[in-house]
Amino acid sequence: MQRLSLPPTPARRTRVPTEPAPFEVHEPGVLLQGTKADLTVGDLLEPGRRSNFVEGRTTNHIYVTATLDAATWGAELANGDGRGRIFIVEPTGALEDDPNLTDKRFPGNPTRSYRTRDPVRVVGEIVDWVGHAPEKLKAMRERLDEGRRTGEHEIDD
């Protein structure tokens, strides 16, 4: 596993006024996690909990990204009734490239997506982020539903 050394991130709330751009790093050294979970600064996200994306599945990893685009997709597509949220997180252990994206769809990891078996700590939240356009969100949901039906989007966790 690759260990990324990231500077400490103070607890903060960041404002983002426009739709995210694919593959664009949000802020150097900052990792994000998109979810519908109701979390606060100081909370730990830990493996072994209900998956954000697959009903009835327990996750073995926590997934994080350096791009606002990937975090936005996470917040928009997560299971649950709550509102999508994007948290700034710090890993407590080693990170590795997310093989679900880097090995299958985006060689070289342009999405800057990682996973860890160790907890990650919530250190802040991005508020007022802008989601994807409704037609993009609809198209993504349709692609994911089709992938689940065909087995194309099996998650290596």
C-alpha atoms as a PDB file:
ATOM      1  CA  MET A   1       0.000   0.000   0.000  1.00  0.00           C
ATOM      2  CA  GLN A   2       1.105   3.500  -0.762  1.00  0.00           C
ATOM      3  CA  ARG A   3       1.308   5.849   2.189  1.00  0.00           C
ATOM      4  CA  LEU A   4       0.498   9.407   1.229  1.00  0.00           C
ATOM      5  CA  SER A   5       1.923  12.035   3.488  1.00  0.00           C
ATOM      6  CA  LEU A   6      -0.586  14.814   3.771  1.00  0.00           C
ATOM      7  CA  PRO A   7      -0.256  17.990   5.810  1.00  0.00           C
ATOM      8  CA  PRO A   8      -2.647  18.316   8.748  1.00  0.00           C
ATOM      9  CA  THR A   9      -5.907  19.924   7.714  1.00  0.00           C
ATOM     10  CA  PRO A  10      -7.540  22.259  10.223  1.00  0.00           C
ATOM     11  CA  ALA A  11     -11.250  21.835  10.793  1.00  0.00           C
ATOM     12  CA  ARG A  12     -12.922  24.123   8.302  1.00  0.00           C
ATOM     13  CA  ARG A  13     -15.893  24.605   6.046  1.00  0.00           C
ATOM     14  CA  THR A  14     -15.129  25.395   2.431  1.00  0.00           C
ATOM     15  CA  ARG A  15     -17.487  26.951  -0.124  1.00  0.00           C
ATOM     16  CA  VAL A  16     -17.477  25.766  -3.738  1.00  0.00           C
ATOM     17  CA  PRO A  17     -19.733  27.724  -6.150  1.00  0.00           C
ATOM     18  CA  THR A  18     -19.577  25.762  -9.447  1.00  0.00           C
ATOM     19  CA  GLU A  19     -20.153  22.256 -10.820  1.00  0.00           C
ATOM     20  CA  PRO A  20     -16.997  20.174 -10.307  1.00  0.00           C
ATOM     21  CA  ALA A  21     -14.585  19.457 -13.155  1.00  0.00           C
ATOM     22  CA  PRO A  22     -13.564  15.823 -13.733  1.00  0.00           C
ATOM     23  CA  PHE A  23     -10.040  14.896 -12.619  1.00  0.00           C
ATOM     24  CA  GLU A  24      -9.345  18.335 -11.097  1.00  0.00           C
ATOM     25  CA  VAL A  25      -7.731  18.114  -7.654  1.00  0.00           C
ATOM     26  CA  HIS A  26      -9.817  20.113  -5.189  1.00  0.00           C
ATOM     27  CA  GLU A  27      -6.950  21.380  -3.035  1.00  0.00           C
ATOM     28  CA  PRO A  28      -3.454  19.856  -2.913  1.00  0.00           C
ATOM     29  CA  GLY A  29      -3.081  17.531   0.076  1.00  0.00           C
ATOM     30  CA  VAL A  30      -6.807  17.446   0.884  1.00  0.00           C
ATOM     31  CA  LEU A  31      -8.890  14.262   0.761  1.00  0.00           C
ATOM     32  CA  LEU A  32     -12.675  14.178   0.464  1.00  0.00           C
ATOM     33  CA  GLN A  33     -15.465  11.682   1.080  1.00  0.00           C
ATOM     34  CA  GLY A  34     -18.958  12.035  -0.386  1.00  0.00           C
ATOM     35  CA  THR A  35     -21.807  10.400   1.514  1.00  0.00           C
ATOM     36  CA  LYS A  36     -25.299  10.873   2.909  1.00  0.00           C
ATOM     37  CA  ALA A  37     -24.168  10.023   6.436  1.00  0.00           C
ATOM     38  CA  ASP A  38     -24.768  12.611   9.141  1.00  0.00           C
ATOM     39  CA  LEU A  39     -21.234  13.217  10.410  1.00  0.00           C
ATOM     40  CA  THR A  40     -19.463  15.948  12.352  1.00  0.00           C
ATOM     41  CA  VAL A  41     -15.867  17.065  12.759  1.00  0.00           C
ATOM     42  CA  GLY A  42     -13.946  14.496  14.793  1.00  0.00           C
ATOM     43  CA  ASP A  43     -16.057  11.496  13.724  1.00  0.00           C
ATOM     44  CA  LEU A  44     -14.261   8.439  12.386  1.00  0.00           C
ATOM     45  CA  LEU A  45     -15.385   6.594   9.260  1.00  0.00           C
ATOM     46  CA  GLU A  46     -14.448   2.953   9.718  1.00  0.00           C
ATOM     47  CA  PRO A  47     -14.580  -0.160   7.536  1.00  0.00           C
ATOM     48  CA  GLY A  48     -17.055  -2.838   8.561  1.00  0.00           C
ATOM     49  CA  ARG A  49     -20.132  -0.665   8.174  1.00  0.00           C
ATOM     50  CA  ARG A  50     -22.991  -0.595   5.662  1.00  0.00           C
ATOM     51  CA  SER A  51     -21.870   0.235   2.127  1.00  0.00           C
ATOM     52  CA  ASN A  52     -22.803   3.649   0.722  1.00  0.00           C
ATOM     53  CA  PHE A  53     -23.579   2.119  -2.659  1.00  0.00           C
ATOM     54  CA  VAL A  54     -24.545  -1.559  -2.462  1.00  0.00           C
ATOM     55  CA  GLU A  55     -27.637  -2.523  -0.459  1.00  0.00           C
ATOM     56  CA  GLY A  56     -26.957  -5.222   2.121  1.00  0.00           C
ATOM     57  CA  ARG A  57     -23.185  -5.092   1.737  1.00  0.00           C
ATOM     58  CA  THR A  58     -20.629  -4.414   4.448  1.00  0.00           C
ATOM     59  CA  THR A  59     -17.591  -2.507   3.242  1.00  0.00           C
ATOM     60  CA  ASN A  60     -14.013  -3.591   3.943  1.00  0.00           C
ATOM     61  CA  HIS A  61     -12.522  -0.213   3.004  1.00  0.00           C
ATOM     62  CA  ILE A  62     -13.178   3.495   3.327  1.00  0.00           C
ATOM     63  CA  TYR A  63     -12.985   5.279  -0.028  1.00  0.00           C
ATOM     64  CA  VAL A  64     -11.623   8.813  -0.398  1.00  0.00           C
ATOM     65  CA  THR A  65     -10.651  11.105  -3.254  1.00  0.00           C
ATOM     66  CA  ALA A  66      -8.692  14.276  -3.921  1.00  0.00           C
ATOM     67  CA  THR A  67     -11.179  15.472  -6.575  1.00  0.00           C
ATOM     68  CA  LEU A  68     -14.376  17.341  -5.856  1.00  0.00           C
ATOM     69  CA  ASP A  69     -15.974  15.648  -8.870  1.00  0.00           C
ATOM     70  CA  ALA A  70     -15.556  12.133  -7.442  1.00  0.00           C
ATOM     71  CA  ALA A  71     -16.678  13.277  -3.981  1.00  0.00           C
ATOM     72  CA  THR A  72     -19.741  14.919  -5.537  1.00  0.00           C
ATOM     73  CA  TRP A  73     -20.654  11.676  -7.302  1.00  0.00           C
ATOM     74  CA  GLY A  74     -20.276   9.899  -3.945  1.00  0.00           C
ATOM     75  CA  ALA A  75     -22.574  12.367  -2.205  1.00  0.00           C
ATOM     76  CA  GLU A  76     -25.167  12.251  -4.987  1.00  0.00           C
ATOM     77  CA  LEU A  77     -25.199   8.488  -5.540  1.00  0.00           C
ATOM     78  CA  ALA A  78     -24.917   7.222  -1.956  1.00  0.00           C
ATOM     79  CA  ASN A  79     -27.779   5.151  -0.571  1.00  0.00           C
ATOM     80  CA  GLY A  80     -29.987   6.744   2.022  1.00  0.00           C
ATOM     81  CA  ASP A  81     -32.563   9.429   2.503  1.00  0.00           C
ATOM     82  CA  GLY A  82     -30.324  12.158   3.875  1.00  0.00           C
ATOM     83  CA  ARG A  83     -28.852  14.981   1.864  1.00  0.00           C
ATOM     84  CA  GLY A  84     -25.561  14.430   0.117  1.00  0.00           C
ATOM     85  CA  ARG A  85     -22.579  15.794   2.011  1.00  0.00           C
ATOM     86  CA  ILE A  86     -18.889  16.154   1.232  1.00  0.00           C
ATOM     87  CA  PHE A  87     -16.466  15.854   4.113  1.00  0.00           C
ATOM     88  CA  ILE A  88     -12.800  16.742   4.330  1.00  0.00           C
ATOM     89  CA  VAL A  89     -11.063  13.729   5.857  1.00  0.00           C
ATOM     90  CA  GLU A  90      -7.649  12.636   7.101  1.00  0.00           C
ATOM     91  CA  PRO A  91      -6.513   9.024   6.892  1.00  0.00           C
ATOM     92  CA  THR A  92      -5.199   7.371  10.053  1.00  0.00           C
ATOM     93  CA  GLY A  93      -3.285   4.737   8.088  1.00  0.00           C
ATOM     94  CA  ALA A  94      -2.038   3.711   4.676  1.00  0.00           C
ATOM     95  CA  LEU A  95      -3.911   4.442   1.435  1.00  0.00           C
ATOM     96  CA  GLU A  96      -3.888   2.522  -1.819  1.00  0.00           C
ATOM     97  CA  ASP A  97      -5.260   3.380  -5.263  1.00  0.00           C
ATOM     98  CA  ASP A  98      -8.916   2.332  -5.608  1.00  0.00           C
ATOM     99  CA  PRO A  99      -8.700  -0.667  -7.977  1.00  0.00           C
ATOM    100  CA  ASN A 100     -12.375  -0.272  -8.927  1.00  0.00           C
ATOM    101  CA  LEU A 101     -11.437   2.866 -10.836  1.00  0.00           C
ATOM    102  CA  THR A 102      -7.697   2.692 -11.466  1.00  0.00           C
ATOM    103  CA  ASP A 103      -7.590  -0.901 -12.701  1.00  0.00           C
ATOM    104  CA  LYS A 104     -10.945  -1.027 -14.450  1.00  0.00           C
ATOM    105  CA  ARG A 105     -11.828   2.395 -15.817  1.00  0.00           C
ATOM    106  CA  PHE A 106      -9.131   5.050 -15.392  1.00  0.00           C
ATOM    107  CA  PRO A 107      -5.561   3.683 -15.553  1.00  0.00           C
ATOM    108  CA  GLY A 108      -3.098   5.983 -13.832  1.00  0.00           C
ATOM    109  CA  ASN A 109      -5.687   7.128 -11.259  1.00  0.00           C
ATOM    110  CA  PRO A 110      -6.732  10.507 -12.748  1.00  0.00           C
ATOM    111  CA  THR A 111      -9.727  10.474 -10.370  1.00  0.00           C
ATOM    112  CA  ARG A 112      -7.251  10.505  -7.453  1.00  0.00           C
ATOM    113  CA  SER A 113      -9.399   7.851  -5.753  1.00  0.00           C
ATOM    114  CA  TYR A 114      -7.988   5.832  -2.860  1.00  0.00           C
ATOM    115  CA  ARG A 115      -9.097   3.365  -0.236  1.00  0.00           C
ATOM    116  CA  THR A 116      -7.921   2.267   3.188  1.00  0.00           C
ATOM    117  CA  ARG A 117      -8.677  -0.442   5.720  1.00  0.00           C
ATOM    118  CA  ASP A 118      -7.973   2.067   8.482  1.00  0.00           C
ATOM    119  CA  PRO A 119     -10.368   4.728   9.791  1.00  0.00           C
ATOM    120  CA  VAL A 120     -10.431   8.229   8.353  1.00  0.00           C
ATOM    121  CA  ARG A 121     -11.225  11.236  10.530  1.00  0.00           C
ATOM    122  CA  VAL A 122     -13.652  13.981   9.522  1.00  0.00           C
ATOM    123  CA  VAL A 123     -11.828  17.306   9.812  1.00  0.00           C
ATOM    124  CA  GLY A 124     -14.194  19.579   7.898  1.00  0.00           C
ATOM    125  CA  GLU A 125     -17.048  19.815   5.434  1.00  0.00           C
ATOM    126  CA  ILE A 126     -17.540  21.464   2.080  1.00  0.00           C
ATOM    127  CA  VAL A 127     -20.810  23.353   2.084  1.00  0.00           C
ATOM    128  CA  ASP A 128     -22.696  24.906  -0.815  1.00  0.00           C
ATOM    129  CA  TRP A 129     -21.105  22.515  -3.312  1.00  0.00           C
ATOM    130  CA  VAL A 130     -22.827  22.282  -6.638  1.00  0.00           C
ATOM    131  CA  GLY A 131     -24.020  18.908  -7.857  1.00  0.00           C
ATOM    132  CA  HIS A 132     -23.924  17.558 -11.368  1.00  0.00           C
ATOM    133  CA  ALA A 133     -26.548  18.674 -13.855  1.00  0.00           C
ATOM    134  CA  PRO A 134     -29.765  16.610 -13.579  1.00  0.00           C
ATOM    135  CA  GLU A 135     -29.216  14.981 -16.980  1.00  0.00           C
ATOM    136  CA  LYS A 136     -25.669  13.905 -15.997  1.00  0.00           C
ATOM    137  CA  LEU A 137     -26.921  12.480 -12.721  1.00  0.00           C
ATOM    138  CA  LYS A 138     -29.742  10.602 -14.491  1.00  0.00           C
ATOM    139  CA  ALA A 139     -27.309   9.194 -17.085  1.00  0.00           C
ATOM    140  CA  MET A 140     -24.871   8.074 -14.367  1.00  0.00           C
ATOM    141  CA  ARG A 141     -27.640   6.352 -12.391  1.00  0.00           C
ATOM    142  CA  GLU A 142     -28.768   4.548 -15.561  1.00  0.00           C
ATOM    143  CA  ARG A 143     -25.178   3.411 -16.318  1.00  0.00           C
ATOM    144  CA  LEU A 144     -24.736   2.156 -12.754  1.00  0.00           C
ATOM    145  CA  ASP A 145     -28.089   0.332 -12.777  1.00  0.00           C
ATOM    146  CA  GLU A 146     -27.169  -1.336 -16.079  1.00  0.00           C
ATOM    147  CA  GLY A 147     -23.737  -2.242 -14.726  1.00  0.00           C
ATOM    148  CA  ARG A 148     -25.310  -3.840 -11.646  1.00  0.00           C
ATOM    149  CA  ARG A 149     -27.691  -5.851 -13.836  1.00  0.00           C
ATOM    150  CA  THR A 150     -24.868  -7.124 -16.051  1.00  0.00           C
ATOM    151  CA  GLY A 151     -22.258  -7.508 -13.288  1.00  0.00           C
ATOM    152  CA  GLU A 152     -19.981  -4.975 -14.985  1.00  0.00           C
ATOM    153  CA  HIS A 153     -19.811  -2.804 -11.868  1.00  0.00           C
ATOM    154  CA  GLU A 154     -18.872  -5.483  -9.348  1.00  0.00           C
ATOM    155  CA  ILE A 155     -16.933  -3.791  -6.552  1.00  0.00           C
ATOM    156  CA  ASP A 156     -13.538  -5.209  -5.547  1.00  0.00           C
ATOM    157  CA  ASP A 157     -13.688  -4.535  -1.822  1.00  0.00           C
END
